[in-house]
Structures are given as structure tokens and as C-alpha cells.
Amino acid sequence: MRRKENEPERERYFHYTFYLLLRLMSVYTVYTEKEQ
């Protein structure tokens, strides 16, 4: 039963990390553009 409960949590964590990575990439691109 714990496994079934853990699965959605893991999925949510994956989505959160993916979103965070996307934001970081966008910020990085803007920063590099400003430097040039």
C-alpha cells in the first residue's frame, strides 16, 4: 500500500524538478544574452 502512495509523490517530484530545470535554463539563457 505504501508503494501505491509513493508513486504519485515520486511523479510530482519529477515534474517539480523538470519545471525547476526549465526555469534555470531560461534564466541562464537570459543571463548569457545580457553578457554578450
PDB file of N, CA and C in Angstrom:
ATOM      1  N   MET A   1       0.837  -1.210   0.000  1.00  0.00           N
ATOM      2  CA  MET A   1       0.000   0.000   0.000  1.00  0.00           C
ATOM      3  C   MET A   1       0.872   1.261   0.000  1.00  0.00           C
ATOM      4  N   ARG A   2       1.984   1.160   0.652  1.00  0.00           N
ATOM      5  CA  ARG A   2       2.875   2.337   0.695  1.00  0.00           C
ATOM      6  C   ARG A   2       3.441   2.632  -0.694  1.00  0.00           C
ATOM      7  N   ARG A   3       3.654   1.598  -1.454  1.00  0.00           N
ATOM      8  CA  ARG A   3       4.213   1.793  -2.798  1.00  0.00           C
ATOM      9  C   ARG A   3       3.238   2.583  -3.660  1.00  0.00           C
ATOM     10  N   LYS A   4       1.985   2.237  -3.567  1.00  0.00           N
ATOM     11  CA  LYS A   4       0.976   2.948  -4.366  1.00  0.00           C
ATOM     12  C   LYS A   4       0.885   4.411  -3.929  1.00  0.00           C
ATOM     13  N   GLU A   5       1.123   4.639  -2.674  1.00  0.00           N
ATOM     14  CA  GLU A   5       1.051   6.015  -2.171  1.00  0.00           C
ATOM     15  C   GLU A   5       2.304   6.804  -2.572  1.00  0.00           C
ATOM     16  N   ASN A   6       3.390   6.093  -2.709  1.00  0.00           N
ATOM     17  CA  ASN A   6       4.665   6.742  -3.024  1.00  0.00           C
ATOM     18  C   ASN A   6       4.764   7.098  -4.504  1.00  0.00           C
ATOM     19  N   GLU A   7       4.100   6.346  -5.333  1.00  0.00           N
ATOM     20  CA  GLU A   7       4.202   6.585  -6.785  1.00  0.00           C
ATOM     21  C   GLU A   7       3.774   7.993  -7.197  1.00  0.00           C
ATOM     22  N   PRO A   8       2.617   8.452  -6.790  1.00  0.00           N
ATOM     23  CA  PRO A   8       2.206   9.821  -7.166  1.00  0.00           C
ATOM     24  C   PRO A   8       3.173  10.868  -6.635  1.00  0.00           C
ATOM     25  N   GLU A   9       3.703  10.624  -5.452  1.00  0.00           N
ATOM     26  CA  GLU A   9       4.642  11.580  -4.860  1.00  0.00           C
ATOM     27  C   GLU A   9       5.901  11.663  -5.724  1.00  0.00           C
ATOM     28  N   ARG A  10       6.341  10.526  -6.172  1.00  0.00           N
ATOM     29  CA  ARG A  10       7.548  10.488  -6.995  1.00  0.00           C
ATOM     30  C   ARG A  10       7.296  11.223  -8.314  1.00  0.00           C
ATOM     31  N   GLU A  11       6.125  10.997  -8.874  1.00  0.00           N
ATOM     32  CA  GLU A  11       5.785  11.664 -10.134  1.00  0.00           C
ATOM     33  C   GLU A  11       5.755  13.170  -9.939  1.00  0.00           C
ATOM     34  N   ARG A  12       5.168  13.601  -8.846  1.00  0.00           N
ATOM     35  CA  ARG A  12       5.079  15.037  -8.563  1.00  0.00           C
ATOM     36  C   ARG A  12       6.486  15.613  -8.403  1.00  0.00           C
ATOM     37  N   TYR A  13       7.350  14.879  -7.738  1.00  0.00           N
ATOM     38  CA  TYR A  13       8.725  15.336  -7.538  1.00  0.00           C
ATOM     39  C   TYR A  13       9.435  15.474  -8.882  1.00  0.00           C
ATOM     40  N   PHE A  14       9.193  14.507  -9.767  1.00  0.00           N
ATOM     41  CA  PHE A  14       9.816  14.545 -11.086  1.00  0.00           C
ATOM     42  C   PHE A  14       9.350  15.770 -11.862  1.00  0.00           C
ATOM     43  N   HIS A  15       8.054  16.040 -11.814  1.00  0.00           N
ATOM     44  CA  HIS A  15       7.511  17.203 -12.522  1.00  0.00           C
ATOM     45  C   HIS A  15       8.088  18.495 -11.950  1.00  0.00           C
ATOM     46  N   TYR A  16       8.228  18.539 -10.637  1.00  0.00           N
ATOM     47  CA  TYR A  16       8.756  19.737  -9.989  1.00  0.00           C
ATOM     48  C   TYR A  16      10.208  19.981 -10.399  1.00  0.00           C
ATOM     49  N   THR A  17      10.994  18.928 -10.399  1.00  0.00           N
ATOM     50  CA  THR A  17      12.401  19.076 -10.781  1.00  0.00           C
ATOM     51  C   THR A  17      12.526  19.494 -12.245  1.00  0.00           C
ATOM     52  N   PHE A  18      11.646  18.929 -13.083  1.00  0.00           N
ATOM     53  CA  PHE A  18      11.667  19.277 -14.509  1.00  0.00           C
ATOM     54  C   PHE A  18      11.349  20.757 -14.696  1.00  0.00           C
ATOM     55  N   TYR A  19      10.354  21.230 -13.953  1.00  0.00           N
ATOM     56  CA  TYR A  19       9.971  22.639 -14.043  1.00  0.00           C
ATOM     57  C   TYR A  19      11.113  23.529 -13.560  1.00  0.00           C
ATOM     58  N   LEU A  20      11.756  23.112 -12.494  1.00  0.00           N
ATOM     59  CA  LEU A  20      12.861  23.890 -11.945  1.00  0.00           C
ATOM     60  C   LEU A  20      14.008  23.968 -12.961  1.00  0.00           C
ATOM     61  N   LEU A  21      14.293  22.857 -13.589  1.00  0.00           N
ATOM     62  CA  LEU A  21      15.361  22.834 -14.591  1.00  0.00           C
ATOM     63  C   LEU A  21      15.030  23.760 -15.750  1.00  0.00           C
ATOM     64  N   LEU A  22      13.787  23.745 -16.157  1.00  0.00           N
ATOM     65  CA  LEU A  22      13.365  24.601 -17.267  1.00  0.00           C
ATOM     66  C   LEU A  22      13.560  26.066 -16.902  1.00  0.00           C
ATOM     67  N   ARG A  23      13.176  26.418 -15.702  1.00  0.00           N
ATOM     68  CA  ARG A  23      13.318  27.811 -15.255  1.00  0.00           C
ATOM     69  C   ARG A  23      14.796  28.195 -15.210  1.00  0.00           C
ATOM     70  N   LEU A  24      15.616  27.300 -14.722  1.00  0.00           N
ATOM     71  CA  LEU A  24      17.045  27.574 -14.621  1.00  0.00           C
ATOM     72  C   LEU A  24      17.640  27.809 -16.006  1.00  0.00           C
ATOM     73  N   MET A  25      17.245  26.994 -16.959  1.00  0.00           N
ATOM     74  CA  MET A  25      17.744  27.147 -18.329  1.00  0.00           C
ATOM     75  C   MET A  25      17.339  28.492 -18.921  1.00  0.00           C
ATOM     76  N   SER A  26      16.107  28.874 -18.703  1.00  0.00           N
ATOM     77  CA  SER A  26      15.634  30.162 -19.237  1.00  0.00           C
ATOM     78  C   SER A  26      16.415  31.316 -18.603  1.00  0.00           C
ATOM     79  N   VAL A  27      16.623  31.244 -17.303  1.00  0.00           N
ATOM     80  CA  VAL A  27      17.367  32.300 -16.608  1.00  0.00           C
ATOM     81  C   VAL A  27      18.803  32.339 -17.124  1.00  0.00           C
ATOM     82  N   TYR A  28      19.376  31.168 -17.338  1.00  0.00           N
ATOM     83  CA  TYR A  28      20.749  31.097 -17.829  1.00  0.00           C
ATOM     84  C   TYR A  28      20.870  31.714 -19.222  1.00  0.00           C
ATOM     85  N   THR A  29      19.909  31.439 -20.077  1.00  0.00           N
ATOM     86  CA  THR A  29      19.936  31.992 -21.437  1.00  0.00           C
ATOM     87  C   THR A  29      19.837  33.513 -21.390  1.00  0.00           C
ATOM     88  N   VAL A  30      18.978  34.017 -20.543  1.00  0.00           N
ATOM     89  CA  VAL A  30      18.815  35.474 -20.424  1.00  0.00           C
ATOM     90  C   VAL A  30      20.114  36.086 -19.910  1.00  0.00           C
ATOM     91  N   TYR A  31      20.739  35.410 -18.939  1.00  0.00           N
ATOM     92  CA  TYR A  31      21.988  35.920 -18.381  1.00  0.00           C
ATOM     93  C   TYR A  31      23.087  35.959 -19.443  1.00  0.00           C
ATOM     94  N   THR A  32      23.188  34.919 -20.237  1.00  0.00           N
ATOM     95  CA  THR A  32      24.219  34.870 -21.279  1.00  0.00           C
ATOM     96  C   THR A  32      23.957  35.939 -22.332  1.00  0.00           C
ATOM     97  N   GLU A  33      22.705  36.169 -22.638  1.00  0.00           N
ATOM     98  CA  GLU A  33      22.358  37.195 -23.629  1.00  0.00           C
ATOM     99  C   GLU A  33      22.756  38.578 -23.116  1.00  0.00           C
ATOM    100  N   LYS A  34      22.597  38.788 -21.841  1.00  0.00           N
ATOM    101  CA  LYS A  34      22.953  40.089 -21.262  1.00  0.00           C
ATOM    102  C   LYS A  34      24.464  40.295 -21.284  1.00  0.00           C
ATOM    103  N   GLU A  35      25.198  39.214 -21.104  1.00  0.00           N
ATOM    104  CA  GLU A  35      26.658  39.311 -21.074  1.00  0.00           C
ATOM    105  C   GLU A  35      27.211  39.678 -22.449  1.00  0.00           C
ATOM    106  N   GLN A  36      26.619  39.148 -23.491  1.00  0.00           N
ATOM    107  CA  GLN A  36      27.134  39.408 -24.842  1.00  0.00           C
ATOM    108  C   GLN A  36      26.884  40.832 -25.282  1.00  0.00           C
TER     109      GLN A  36
END
